[in-house]
Amino acid sequence: MSVWSYDSHSEREAVIKNFSKVGQSTVSFIKEAGYWCDFIDPTSGMPFYGSYSNETLTECDEDFPRFCESLSLEDIGCCRALKHNDWDFNVFAGLLVCDAPITVLEKAHELAKLM
């Protein structure tokens, strides 16, 4: 998305809603497996389940791209935007954090693909 439009806004809202749904399901799965997990609420920049804090992490924060090598933060004049190496500015990035081993994450990912 390089310009705002009603269609792009509606698409982003749908993606955020889906990410939150998948995030909640994934967190439940990982916690049931005995590990800690949370995700960043893209509407607030705060942990979805964590306690309130004045600290936030949004996709336009300078720290966000360090979580994924394919992302960079670009200054586009009026603001900063997240850019993906392959998809340019047509990207939504969500962040889930956990202490589960990769095998549990792979199972959670398979379940999320079914949603």
PDB file of N, CA and C in Angstrom:
ATOM      1  N   MET A   1       0.842  -1.166   0.000  1.00  0.00           N
ATOM      2  CA  MET A   1       0.000   0.000   0.000  1.00  0.00           C
ATOM      3  C   MET A   1       0.892   1.235   0.000  1.00  0.00           C
ATOM      4  N   SER A   2       0.876   2.001  -1.058  1.00  0.00           N
ATOM      5  CA  SER A   2       1.665   3.220  -1.096  1.00  0.00           C
ATOM      6  C   SER A   2       0.789   4.463  -1.065  1.00  0.00           C
ATOM      7  N   VAL A   3      -0.503   4.305  -1.256  1.00  0.00           N
ATOM      8  CA  VAL A   3      -1.452   5.412  -1.111  1.00  0.00           C
ATOM      9  C   VAL A   3      -2.660   4.898  -0.347  1.00  0.00           C
ATOM     10  N   TRP A   4      -3.337   5.814   0.353  1.00  0.00           N
ATOM     11  CA  TRP A   4      -4.515   5.419   1.115  1.00  0.00           C
ATOM     12  C   TRP A   4      -5.714   5.365   0.202  1.00  0.00           C
ATOM     13  N   SER A   5      -6.524   4.344   0.374  1.00  0.00           N
ATOM     14  CA  SER A   5      -7.815   4.254  -0.312  1.00  0.00           C
ATOM     15  C   SER A   5      -8.748   3.478   0.617  1.00  0.00           C
ATOM     16  N   TYR A   6     -10.036   3.596   0.361  1.00  0.00           N
ATOM     17  CA  TYR A   6     -11.001   2.863   1.173  1.00  0.00           C
ATOM     18  C   TYR A   6     -10.761   1.360   1.052  1.00  0.00           C
ATOM     19  N   ASP A   7     -10.468   0.890  -0.159  1.00  0.00           N
ATOM     20  CA  ASP A   7     -10.227  -0.545  -0.364  1.00  0.00           C
ATOM     21  C   ASP A   7      -9.005  -1.024   0.411  1.00  0.00           C
ATOM     22  N   SER A   8      -7.923  -0.252   0.371  1.00  0.00           N
ATOM     23  CA  SER A   8      -6.725  -0.670   1.100  1.00  0.00           C
ATOM     24  C   SER A   8      -6.965  -0.611   2.605  1.00  0.00           C
ATOM     25  N   HIS A   9      -7.723   0.375   3.060  1.00  0.00           N
ATOM     26  CA  HIS A   9      -8.060   0.460   4.481  1.00  0.00           C
ATOM     27  C   HIS A   9      -8.897  -0.750   4.914  1.00  0.00           C
ATOM     28  N   SER A  10      -9.884  -1.092   4.110  1.00  0.00           N
ATOM     29  CA  SER A  10     -10.737  -2.251   4.421  1.00  0.00           C
ATOM     30  C   SER A  10      -9.931  -3.543   4.430  1.00  0.00           C
ATOM     31  N   GLU A  11      -9.021  -3.675   3.464  1.00  0.00           N
ATOM     32  CA  GLU A  11      -8.178  -4.867   3.408  1.00  0.00           C
ATOM     33  C   GLU A  11      -7.294  -4.953   4.649  1.00  0.00           C
ATOM     34  N   ARG A  12      -6.702  -3.835   5.050  1.00  0.00           N
ATOM     35  CA  ARG A  12      -5.845  -3.817   6.236  1.00  0.00           C
ATOM     36  C   ARG A  12      -6.637  -4.174   7.484  1.00  0.00           C
ATOM     37  N   GLU A  13      -7.841  -3.651   7.620  1.00  0.00           N
ATOM     38  CA  GLU A  13      -8.689  -3.984   8.774  1.00  0.00           C
ATOM     39  C   GLU A  13      -8.987  -5.485   8.820  1.00  0.00           C
ATOM     40  N   ALA A  14      -9.263  -6.077   7.669  1.00  0.00           N
ATOM     41  CA  ALA A  14      -9.536  -7.523   7.606  1.00  0.00           C
ATOM     42  C   ALA A  14      -8.292  -8.330   7.974  1.00  0.00           C
ATOM     43  N   VAL A  15      -7.124  -7.893   7.510  1.00  0.00           N
ATOM     44  CA  VAL A  15      -5.875  -8.593   7.822  1.00  0.00           C
ATOM     45  C   VAL A  15      -5.581  -8.494   9.318  1.00  0.00           C
ATOM     46  N   ILE A  16      -5.783  -7.330   9.909  1.00  0.00           N
ATOM     47  CA  ILE A  16      -5.565  -7.155  11.345  1.00  0.00           C
ATOM     48  C   ILE A  16      -6.509  -8.049  12.141  1.00  0.00           C
ATOM     49  N   LYS A  17      -7.762  -8.112  11.739  1.00  0.00           N
ATOM     50  CA  LYS A  17      -8.739  -8.967  12.430  1.00  0.00           C
ATOM     51  C   LYS A  17      -8.320 -10.438  12.339  1.00  0.00           C
ATOM     52  N   ASN A  18      -7.882 -10.868  11.166  1.00  0.00           N
ATOM     53  CA  ASN A  18      -7.445 -12.252  10.991  1.00  0.00           C
ATOM     54  C   ASN A  18      -6.182 -12.536  11.792  1.00  0.00           C
ATOM     55  N   PHE A  19      -5.227 -11.594  11.778  1.00  0.00           N
ATOM     56  CA  PHE A  19      -3.997 -11.784  12.544  1.00  0.00           C
ATOM     57  C   PHE A  19      -4.317 -11.942  14.028  1.00  0.00           C
ATOM     58  N   SER A  20      -5.216 -11.123  14.548  1.00  0.00           N
ATOM     59  CA  SER A  20      -5.587 -11.221  15.963  1.00  0.00           C
ATOM     60  C   SER A  20      -6.250 -12.561  16.271  1.00  0.00           C
ATOM     61  N   LYS A  21      -7.091 -13.031  15.375  1.00  0.00           N
ATOM     62  CA  LYS A  21      -7.759 -14.332  15.551  1.00  0.00           C
ATOM     63  C   LYS A  21      -6.726 -15.463  15.558  1.00  0.00           C
ATOM     64  N   VAL A  22      -5.830 -15.456  14.581  1.00  0.00           N
ATOM     65  CA  VAL A  22      -4.787 -16.483  14.499  1.00  0.00           C
ATOM     66  C   VAL A  22      -3.827 -16.352  15.676  1.00  0.00           C
ATOM     67  N   GLY A  23      -3.496 -15.119  16.058  1.00  0.00           N
ATOM     68  CA  GLY A  23      -2.607 -14.894  17.199  1.00  0.00           C
ATOM     69  C   GLY A  23      -3.168 -15.466  18.485  1.00  0.00           C
ATOM     70  N   GLN A  24      -4.455 -15.224  18.733  1.00  0.00           N
ATOM     71  CA  GLN A  24      -5.076 -15.756  19.948  1.00  0.00           C
ATOM     72  C   GLN A  24      -5.076 -17.278  19.950  1.00  0.00           C
ATOM     73  N   SER A  25      -5.387 -17.864  18.806  1.00  0.00           N
ATOM     74  CA  SER A  25      -5.388 -19.324  18.698  1.00  0.00           C
ATOM     75  C   SER A  25      -3.981 -19.891  18.888  1.00  0.00           C
ATOM     76  N   THR A  26      -2.998 -19.255  18.291  1.00  0.00           N
ATOM     77  CA  THR A  26      -1.611 -19.708  18.400  1.00  0.00           C
ATOM     78  C   THR A  26      -1.110 -19.596  19.834  1.00  0.00           C
ATOM     79  N   VAL A  27      -1.402 -18.475  20.484  1.00  0.00           N
ATOM     80  CA  VAL A  27      -1.005 -18.300  21.885  1.00  0.00           C
ATOM     81  C   VAL A  27      -1.627 -19.391  22.743  1.00  0.00           C
ATOM     82  N   SER A  28      -2.907 -19.678  22.545  1.00  0.00           N
ATOM     83  CA  SER A  28      -3.574 -20.735  23.319  1.00  0.00           C
ATOM     84  C   SER A  28      -2.889 -22.078  23.115  1.00  0.00           C
ATOM     85  N   PHE A  29      -2.579 -22.405  21.860  1.00  0.00           N
ATOM     86  CA  PHE A  29      -1.931 -23.675  21.556  1.00  0.00           C
ATOM     87  C   PHE A  29      -0.577 -23.769  22.252  1.00  0.00           C
ATOM     88  N   ILE A  30       0.222 -22.720  22.151  1.00  0.00           N
ATOM     89  CA  ILE A  30       1.573 -22.739  22.729  1.00  0.00           C
ATOM     90  C   ILE A  30       1.514 -22.765  24.248  1.00  0.00           C
ATOM     91  N   LYS A  31       0.592 -22.033  24.847  1.00  0.00           N
ATOM     92  CA  LYS A  31       0.455 -22.053  26.305  1.00  0.00           C
ATOM     93  C   LYS A  31      -0.005 -23.423  26.793  1.00  0.00           C
ATOM     94  N   GLU A  32      -0.915 -24.051  26.047  1.00  0.00           N
ATOM     95  CA  GLU A  32      -1.370 -25.396  26.416  1.00  0.00           C
ATOM     96  C   GLU A  32      -0.223 -26.402  26.335  1.00  0.00           C
ATOM     97  N   ALA A  33       0.754 -26.123  25.493  1.00  0.00           N
ATOM     98  CA  ALA A  33       1.929 -26.997  25.384  1.00  0.00           C
ATOM     99  C   ALA A  33       2.933 -26.709  26.501  1.00  0.00           C
ATOM    100  N   GLY A  34       2.637 -25.710  27.344  1.00  0.00           N
ATOM    101  CA  GLY A  34       3.479 -25.440  28.505  1.00  0.00           C
ATOM    102  C   GLY A  34       4.505 -24.329  28.341  1.00  0.00           C
ATOM    103  N   TYR A  35       4.323 -23.476  27.335  1.00  0.00           N
ATOM    104  CA  TYR A  35       5.289 -22.417  27.086  1.00  0.00           C
ATOM    105  C   TYR A  35       4.617 -21.045  27.195  1.00  0.00           C
ATOM    106  N   TRP A  36       5.455 -20.013  27.302  1.00  0.00           N
ATOM    107  CA  TRP A  36       4.950 -18.647  27.350  1.00  0.00           C
ATOM    108  C   TRP A  36       4.813 -18.116  25.925  1.00  0.00           C
ATOM    109  N   CYS A  37       3.790 -17.303  25.683  1.00  0.00           N
ATOM    110  CA  CYS A  37       3.580 -16.742  24.355  1.00  0.00           C
ATOM    111  C   CYS A  37       2.678 -15.514  24.432  1.00  0.00           C
ATOM    112  N   ASP A  38       2.911 -14.562  23.574  1.00  0.00           N
ATOM    113  CA  ASP A  38       2.055 -13.388  23.423  1.00  0.00           C
ATOM    114  C   ASP A  38       2.324 -12.816  22.037  1.00  0.00           C
ATOM    115  N   PHE A  39       1.457 -11.925  21.597  1.00  0.00           N
ATOM    116  CA  PHE A  39       1.699 -11.250  20.325  1.00  0.00           C
ATOM    117  C   PHE A  39       1.413  -9.770  20.482  1.00  0.00           C
ATOM    118  N   ILE A  40       2.014  -8.978  19.605  1.00  0.00           N
ATOM    119  CA  ILE A  40       1.811  -7.544  19.645  1.00  0.00           C
ATOM    120  C   ILE A  40       0.504  -7.219  18.935  1.00  0.00           C
ATOM    121  N   ASP A  41      -0.388  -6.550  19.655  1.00  0.00           N
ATOM    122  CA  ASP A  41      -1.656  -6.110  19.077  1.00  0.00           C
ATOM    123  C   ASP A  41      -1.341  -5.008  18.065  1.00  0.00           C
ATOM    124  N   PRO A  42      -1.608  -5.246  16.775  1.00  0.00           N
ATOM    125  CA  PRO A  42      -1.236  -4.247  15.774  1.00  0.00           C
ATOM    126  C   PRO A  42      -2.028  -2.945  15.884  1.00  0.00           C
ATOM    127  N   THR A  43      -3.128  -2.946  16.607  1.00  0.00           N
ATOM    128  CA  THR A  43      -3.903  -1.714  16.751  1.00  0.00           C
ATOM    129  C   THR A  43      -3.365  -0.816  17.852  1.00  0.00           C
ATOM    130  N   SER A  44      -2.583  -1.382  18.790  1.00  0.00           N
ATOM    131  CA  SER A  44      -2.078  -0.589  19.911  1.00  0.00           C
ATOM    132  C   SER A  44      -0.557  -0.606  20.042  1.00  0.00           C
ATOM    133  N   GLY A  45       0.079  -1.634  19.487  1.00  0.00           N
ATOM    134  CA  GLY A  45       1.524  -1.785  19.643  1.00  0.00           C
ATOM    135  C   GLY A  45       1.915  -2.386  20.981  1.00  0.00           C
ATOM    136  N   MET A  46       0.934  -2.852  21.750  1.00  0.00           N
ATOM    137  CA  MET A  46       1.207  -3.436  23.067  1.00  0.00           C
ATOM    138  C   MET A  46       0.935  -4.939  23.045  1.00  0.00           C
ATOM    139  N   PRO A  47       1.532  -5.671  23.987  1.00  0.00           N
ATOM    140  CA  PRO A  47       1.235  -7.101  24.074  1.00  0.00           C
ATOM    141  C   PRO A  47      -0.272  -7.330  24.227  1.00  0.00           C
ATOM    142  N   PHE A  48      -0.789  -8.313  23.501  1.00  0.00           N
ATOM    143  CA  PHE A  48      -2.225  -8.583  23.528  1.00  0.00           C
ATOM    144  C   PHE A  48      -2.667  -9.057  24.911  1.00  0.00           C
ATOM    145  N   TYR A  49      -1.893  -9.941  25.519  1.00  0.00           N
ATOM    146  CA  TYR A  49      -2.253 -10.494  26.819  1.00  0.00           C
ATOM    147  C   TYR A  49      -1.467  -9.877  27.975  1.00  0.00           C
ATOM    148  N   GLY A  50      -0.375  -9.220  27.677  1.00  0.00           N
ATOM    149  CA  GLY A  50       0.494  -8.672  28.710  1.00  0.00           C
ATOM    150  C   GLY A  50      -0.135  -7.512  29.457  1.00  0.00           C
ATOM    151  N   SER A  51       0.506  -7.145  30.554  1.00  0.00           N
ATOM    152  CA  SER A  51       0.003  -6.035  31.353  1.00  0.00           C
ATOM    153  C   SER A  51       0.259  -4.713  30.637  1.00  0.00           C
ATOM    154  N   TYR A  52      -0.482  -3.691  31.030  1.00  0.00           N
ATOM    155  CA  TYR A  52      -0.377  -2.376  30.401  1.00  0.00           C
ATOM    156  C   TYR A  52       1.020  -1.797  30.587  1.00  0.00           C
ATOM    157  N   SER A  53       1.467  -1.103  29.574  1.00  0.00           N
ATOM    158  CA  SER A  53       2.773  -0.446  29.625  1.00  0.00           C
ATOM    159  C   SER A  53       2.731   0.796  28.740  1.00  0.00           C
ATOM    160  N   ASN A  54       3.556   1.765  29.045  1.00  0.00           N
ATOM    161  CA  ASN A  54       3.686   2.929  28.166  1.00  0.00           C
ATOM    162  C   ASN A  54       4.572   2.614  26.968  1.00  0.00           C
ATOM    163  N   GLU A  55       5.247   1.473  26.997  1.00  0.00           N
ATOM    164  CA  GLU A  55       6.123   1.043  25.907  1.00  0.00           C
ATOM    165  C   GLU A  55       5.275   0.355  24.838  1.00  0.00           C
ATOM    166  N   THR A  56       5.490   0.725  23.599  1.00  0.00           N
ATOM    167  CA  THR A  56       4.781   0.081  22.494  1.00  0.00           C
ATOM    168  C   THR A  56       5.776  -0.306  21.409  1.00  0.00           C
ATOM    169  N   LEU A  57       5.350  -1.177  20.518  1.00  0.00           N
ATOM    170  CA  LEU A  57       6.145  -1.572  19.359  1.00  0.00           C
ATOM    171  C   LEU A  57       5.195  -1.626  18.171  1.00  0.00           C
ATOM    172  N   THR A  58       5.295  -0.665  17.296  1.00  0.00           N
ATOM    173  CA  THR A  58       4.473  -0.657  16.087  1.00  0.00           C
ATOM    174  C   THR A  58       5.350  -1.001  14.897  1.00  0.00           C
ATOM    175  N   GLU A  59       4.722  -1.306  13.781  1.00  0.00           N
ATOM    176  CA  GLU A  59       5.492  -1.732  12.612  1.00  0.00           C
ATOM    177  C   GLU A  59       6.356  -0.609  12.033  1.00  0.00           C
ATOM    178  N   CYS A  60       6.142   0.623  12.449  1.00  0.00           N
ATOM    179  CA  CYS A  60       6.968   1.739  11.965  1.00  0.00           C
ATOM    180  C   CYS A  60       8.032   2.167  12.966  1.00  0.00           C
ATOM    181  N   ASP A  61       8.161   1.436  14.084  1.00  0.00           N
ATOM    182  CA  ASP A  61       9.248   1.697  15.032  1.00  0.00           C
ATOM    183  C   ASP A  61      10.564   1.205  14.439  1.00  0.00           C
ATOM    184  N   GLU A  62      11.627   1.907  14.744  1.00  0.00           N
ATOM    185  CA  GLU A  62      12.936   1.547  14.194  1.00  0.00           C
ATOM    186  C   GLU A  62      13.375   0.145  14.593  1.00  0.00           C
ATOM    187  N   ASP A  63      12.908  -0.351  15.740  1.00  0.00           N
ATOM    188  CA  ASP A  63      13.297  -1.687  16.196  1.00  0.00           C
ATOM    189  C   ASP A  63      12.569  -2.809  15.471  1.00  0.00           C
ATOM    190  N   PHE A  64      11.443  -2.525  14.859  1.00  0.00           N
ATOM    191  CA  PHE A  64      10.628  -3.597  14.278  1.00  0.00           C
ATOM    192  C   PHE A  64      11.352  -4.396  13.191  1.00  0.00           C
ATOM    193  N   PRO A  65      12.022  -3.763  12.226  1.00  0.00           N
ATOM    194  CA  PRO A  65      12.657  -4.552  11.152  1.00  0.00           C
ATOM    195  C   PRO A  65      13.727  -5.536  11.621  1.00  0.00           C
ATOM    196  N   ARG A  66      14.279  -5.356  12.802  1.00  0.00           N
ATOM    197  CA  ARG A  66      15.321  -6.289  13.240  1.00  0.00           C
ATOM    198  C   ARG A  66      14.767  -7.680  13.533  1.00  0.00           C
ATOM    199  N   PHE A  67      13.451  -7.820  13.590  1.00  0.00           N
ATOM    200  CA  PHE A  67      12.835  -9.125  13.823  1.00  0.00           C
ATOM    201  C   PHE A  67      12.714  -9.951  12.542  1.00  0.00           C
ATOM    202  N   CYS A  68      12.976  -9.319  11.400  1.00  0.00           N
ATOM    203  CA  CYS A  68      12.864 -10.036  10.124  1.00  0.00           C
ATOM    204  C   CYS A  68      13.831  -9.420   9.122  1.00  0.00           C
ATOM    205  N   GLU A  69      14.727 -10.237   8.583  1.00  0.00           N
ATOM    206  CA  GLU A  69      15.738  -9.751   7.642  1.00  0.00           C
ATOM    207  C   GLU A  69      15.141  -9.197   6.357  1.00  0.00           C
ATOM    208  N   SER A  70      13.931  -9.594   6.020  1.00  0.00           N
ATOM    209  CA  SER A  70      13.307  -9.168   4.765  1.00  0.00           C
ATOM    210  C   SER A  70      12.634  -7.804   4.863  1.00  0.00           C
ATOM    211  N   LEU A  71      12.631  -7.206   6.051  1.00  0.00           N
ATOM    212  CA  LEU A  71      11.944  -5.928   6.256  1.00  0.00           C
ATOM    213  C   LEU A  71      12.918  -4.776   6.431  1.00  0.00           C
ATOM    214  N   SER A  72      12.495  -3.619   5.975  1.00  0.00           N
ATOM    215  CA  SER A  72      13.237  -2.382   6.238  1.00  0.00           C
ATOM    216  C   SER A  72      12.220  -1.272   6.468  1.00  0.00           C
ATOM    217  N   LEU A  73      12.661  -0.212   7.080  1.00  0.00           N
ATOM    218  CA  LEU A  73      11.812   0.935   7.352  1.00  0.00           C
ATOM    219  C   LEU A  73      12.235   2.048   6.405  1.00  0.00           C
ATOM    220  N   GLU A  74      11.294   2.545   5.611  1.00  0.00           N
ATOM    221  CA  GLU A  74      11.599   3.550   4.600  1.00  0.00           C
ATOM    222  C   GLU A  74      10.907   4.869   4.940  1.00  0.00           C
ATOM    223  N   ASP A  75      11.618   5.951   4.768  1.00  0.00           N
ATOM    224  CA  ASP A  75      11.043   7.286   4.926  1.00  0.00           C
ATOM    225  C   ASP A  75      10.408   7.651   3.587  1.00  0.00           C
ATOM    226  N   ILE A  76       9.089   7.843   3.568  1.00  0.00           N
ATOM    227  CA  ILE A  76       8.400   8.151   2.308  1.00  0.00           C
ATOM    228  C   ILE A  76       7.886   9.594   2.285  1.00  0.00           C
ATOM    229  N   GLY A  77       8.575  10.452   3.012  1.00  0.00           N
ATOM    230  CA  GLY A  77       8.220  11.866   2.995  1.00  0.00           C
ATOM    231  C   GLY A  77       7.378  12.267   4.183  1.00  0.00           C
ATOM    232  N   CYS A  78       6.103  11.926   4.140  1.00  0.00           N
ATOM    233  CA  CYS A  78       5.195  12.325   5.215  1.00  0.00           C
ATOM    234  C   CYS A  78       5.252  11.390   6.418  1.00  0.00           C
ATOM    235  N   CYS A  79       5.814  10.206   6.232  1.00  0.00           N
ATOM    236  CA  CYS A  79       5.852   9.226   7.319  1.00  0.00           C
ATOM    237  C   CYS A  79       6.856   8.125   6.981  1.00  0.00           C
ATOM    238  N   ARG A  80       6.949   7.153   7.868  1.00  0.00           N
ATOM    239  CA  ARG A  80       7.779   5.974   7.615  1.00  0.00           C
ATOM    240  C   ARG A  80       6.859   4.789   7.322  1.00  0.00           C
ATOM    241  N   ALA A  81       7.342   3.908   6.476  1.00  0.00           N
ATOM    242  CA  ALA A  81       6.548   2.741   6.110  1.00  0.00           C
ATOM    243  C   ALA A  81       7.443   1.510   6.078  1.00  0.00           C
ATOM    244  N   LEU A  82       6.854   0.386   6.413  1.00  0.00           N
ATOM    245  CA  LEU A  82       7.552  -0.890   6.379  1.00  0.00           C
ATOM    246  C   LEU A  82       7.616  -1.381   4.938  1.00  0.00           C
ATOM    247  N   LYS A  83       8.795  -1.849   4.534  1.00  0.00           N
ATOM    248  CA  LYS A  83       8.984  -2.339   3.171  1.00  0.00           C
ATOM    249  C   LYS A  83       9.576  -3.742   3.223  1.00  0.00           C
ATOM    250  N   HIS A  84       9.033  -4.625   2.412  1.00  0.00           N
ATOM    251  CA  HIS A  84       9.493  -6.004   2.314  1.00  0.00           C
ATOM    252  C   HIS A  84      10.348  -6.159   1.061  1.00  0.00           C
ATOM    253  N   ASN A  85      11.392  -6.983   1.144  1.00  0.00           N
ATOM    254  CA  ASN A  85      12.292  -7.181  -0.002  1.00  0.00           C
ATOM    255  C   ASN A  85      11.565  -7.665  -1.258  1.00  0.00           C
ATOM    256  N   ASP A  86      10.561  -8.516  -1.099  1.00  0.00           N
ATOM    257  CA  ASP A  86       9.846  -9.065  -2.251  1.00  0.00           C
ATOM    258  C   ASP A  86       8.540  -8.338  -2.559  1.00  0.00           C
ATOM    259  N   TRP A  87       7.822  -7.902  -1.537  1.00  0.00           N
ATOM    260  CA  TRP A  87       6.478  -7.356  -1.720  1.00  0.00           C
ATOM    261  C   TRP A  87       6.410  -5.834  -1.635  1.00  0.00           C
ATOM    262  N   ASP A  88       7.560  -5.186  -1.548  1.00  0.00           N
ATOM    263  CA  ASP A  88       7.643  -3.735  -1.493  1.00  0.00           C
ATOM    264  C   ASP A  88       6.833  -3.215  -0.294  1.00  0.00           C
ATOM    265  N   PHE A  89       5.945  -2.268  -0.505  1.00  0.00           N
ATOM    266  CA  PHE A  89       5.173  -1.700   0.601  1.00  0.00           C
ATOM    267  C   PHE A  89       3.855  -2.440   0.832  1.00  0.00           C
ATOM    268  N   ASN A  90       3.580  -3.459   0.027  1.00  0.00           N
ATOM    269  CA  ASN A  90       2.341  -4.238   0.166  1.00  0.00           C
ATOM    270  C   ASN A  90       2.546  -5.340   1.197  1.00  0.00           C
ATOM    271  N   VAL A  91       2.656  -4.935   2.465  1.00  0.00           N
ATOM    272  CA  VAL A  91       2.996  -5.903   3.500  1.00  0.00           C
ATOM    273  C   VAL A  91       2.321  -5.540   4.815  1.00  0.00           C
ATOM    274  N   PHE A  92       1.909  -6.563   5.525  1.00  0.00           N
ATOM    275  CA  PHE A  92       1.464  -6.428   6.905  1.00  0.00           C
ATOM    276  C   PHE A  92       2.386  -7.322   7.716  1.00  0.00           C
ATOM    277  N   ALA A  93       2.948  -6.808   8.770  1.00  0.00           N
ATOM    278  CA  ALA A  93       3.840  -7.605   9.601  1.00  0.00           C
ATOM    279  C   ALA A  93       3.274  -7.695  11.008  1.00  0.00           C
ATOM    280  N   GLY A  94       3.082  -8.903  11.466  1.00  0.00           N
ATOM    281  CA  GLY A  94       2.650  -9.139  12.836  1.00  0.00           C
ATOM    282  C   GLY A  94       3.783  -9.785  13.604  1.00  0.00           C
ATOM    283  N   LEU A  95       3.778  -9.612  14.907  1.00  0.00           N
ATOM    284  CA  LEU A  95       4.868 -10.147  15.722  1.00  0.00           C
ATOM    285  C   LEU A  95       4.310 -10.979  16.873  1.00  0.00           C
ATOM    286  N   LEU A  96       4.723 -12.233  16.922  1.00  0.00           N
ATOM    287  CA  LEU A  96       4.380 -13.155  17.997  1.00  0.00           C
ATOM    288  C   LEU A  96       5.687 -13.539  18.671  1.00  0.00           C
ATOM    289  N   VAL A  97       5.706 -13.530  19.999  1.00  0.00           N
ATOM    290  CA  VAL A  97       6.919 -13.828  20.758  1.00  0.00           C
ATOM    291  C   VAL A  97       6.615 -14.987  21.702  1.00  0.00           C
ATOM    292  N   CYS A  98       7.548 -15.949  21.778  1.00  0.00           N
ATOM    293  CA  CYS A  98       7.327 -17.089  22.666  1.00  0.00           C
ATOM    294  C   CYS A  98       8.671 -17.711  23.053  1.00  0.00           C
ATOM    295  N   ASP A  99       8.601 -18.640  23.991  1.00  0.00           N
ATOM    296  CA  ASP A  99       9.807 -19.375  24.376  1.00  0.00           C
ATOM    297  C   ASP A  99       9.694 -20.854  24.008  1.00  0.00           C
ATOM    298  N   ALA A 100       8.793 -21.184  23.108  1.00  0.00           N
ATOM    299  CA  ALA A 100       8.582 -22.570  22.689  1.00  0.00           C
ATOM    300  C   ALA A 100       9.654 -23.000  21.691  1.00  0.00           C
ATOM    301  N   PRO A 101       9.972 -24.277  21.676  1.00  0.00           N
ATOM    302  CA  PRO A 101      10.928 -24.779  20.680  1.00  0.00           C
ATOM    303  C   PRO A 101      10.296 -24.775  19.286  1.00  0.00           C
ATOM    304  N   ILE A 102      11.133 -24.859  18.288  1.00  0.00           N
ATOM    305  CA  ILE A 102      10.687 -24.788  16.900  1.00  0.00           C
ATOM    306  C   ILE A 102       9.655 -25.863  16.561  1.00  0.00           C
ATOM    307  N   THR A 103       9.742 -27.025  17.166  1.00  0.00           N
ATOM    308  CA  THR A 103       8.776 -28.094  16.864  1.00  0.00           C
ATOM    309  C   THR A 103       7.362 -27.685  17.269  1.00  0.00           C
ATOM    310  N   VAL A 104       7.223 -26.991  18.391  1.00  0.00           N
ATOM    311  CA  VAL A 104       5.901 -26.518  18.832  1.00  0.00           C
ATOM    312  C   VAL A 104       5.421 -25.404  17.906  1.00  0.00           C
ATOM    313  N   LEU A 105       6.335 -24.520  17.507  1.00  0.00           N
ATOM    314  CA  LEU A 105       5.968 -23.446  16.576  1.00  0.00           C
ATOM    315  C   LEU A 105       5.504 -24.000  15.239  1.00  0.00           C
ATOM    316  N   GLU A 106       6.169 -25.036  14.762  1.00  0.00           N
ATOM    317  CA  GLU A 106       5.772 -25.643  13.490  1.00  0.00           C
ATOM    318  C   GLU A 106       4.365 -26.225  13.576  1.00  0.00           C
ATOM    319  N   LYS A 107       4.033 -26.871  14.700  1.00  0.00           N
ATOM    320  CA  LYS A 107       2.681 -27.407  14.892  1.00  0.00           C
ATOM    321  C   LYS A 107       1.660 -26.277  14.959  1.00  0.00           C
ATOM    322  N   ALA A 108       2.003 -25.211  15.669  1.00  0.00           N
ATOM    323  CA  ALA A 108       1.107 -24.054  15.772  1.00  0.00           C
ATOM    324  C   ALA A 108       0.890 -23.429  14.396  1.00  0.00           C
ATOM    325  N   HIS A 109       1.946 -23.366  13.609  1.00  0.00           N
ATOM    326  CA  HIS A 109       1.848 -22.797  12.260  1.00  0.00           C
ATOM    327  C   HIS A 109       0.931 -23.643  11.378  1.00  0.00           C
ATOM    328  N   GLU A 110       1.050 -24.946  11.468  1.00  0.00           N
ATOM    329  CA  GLU A 110       0.171 -25.836  10.686  1.00  0.00           C
ATOM    330  C   GLU A 110      -1.294 -25.633  11.065  1.00  0.00           C
ATOM    331  N   LEU A 111      -1.569 -25.497  12.352  1.00  0.00           N
ATOM    332  CA  LEU A 111      -2.938 -25.250  12.800  1.00  0.00           C
ATOM    333  C   LEU A 111      -3.440 -23.891  12.318  1.00  0.00           C
ATOM    334  N   ALA A 112      -2.586 -22.895  12.343  1.00  0.00           N
ATOM    335  CA  ALA A 112      -2.968 -21.540  11.905  1.00  0.00           C
ATOM    336  C   ALA A 112      -3.318 -21.524  10.425  1.00  0.00           C
ATOM    337  N   LYS A 113      -2.652 -22.349   9.619  1.00  0.00           N
ATOM    338  CA  LYS A 113      -2.944 -22.390   8.183  1.00  0.00           C
ATOM    339  C   LYS A 113      -4.343 -22.942   7.916  1.00  0.00           C
ATOM    340  N   LEU A 114      -4.903 -23.667   8.870  1.00  0.00           N
ATOM    341  CA  LEU A 114      -6.238 -24.232   8.709  1.00  0.00           C
ATOM    342  C   LEU A 114      -7.337 -23.216   9.027  1.00  0.00           C
ATOM    343  N   MET A 115      -6.966 -22.113   9.620  1.00  0.00           N
ATOM    344  CA  MET A 115      -7.954 -21.097  10.010  1.00  0.00           C
ATOM    345  C   MET A 115      -8.369 -20.239   8.843  1.00  0.00           C
TER     346      MET A 115
END
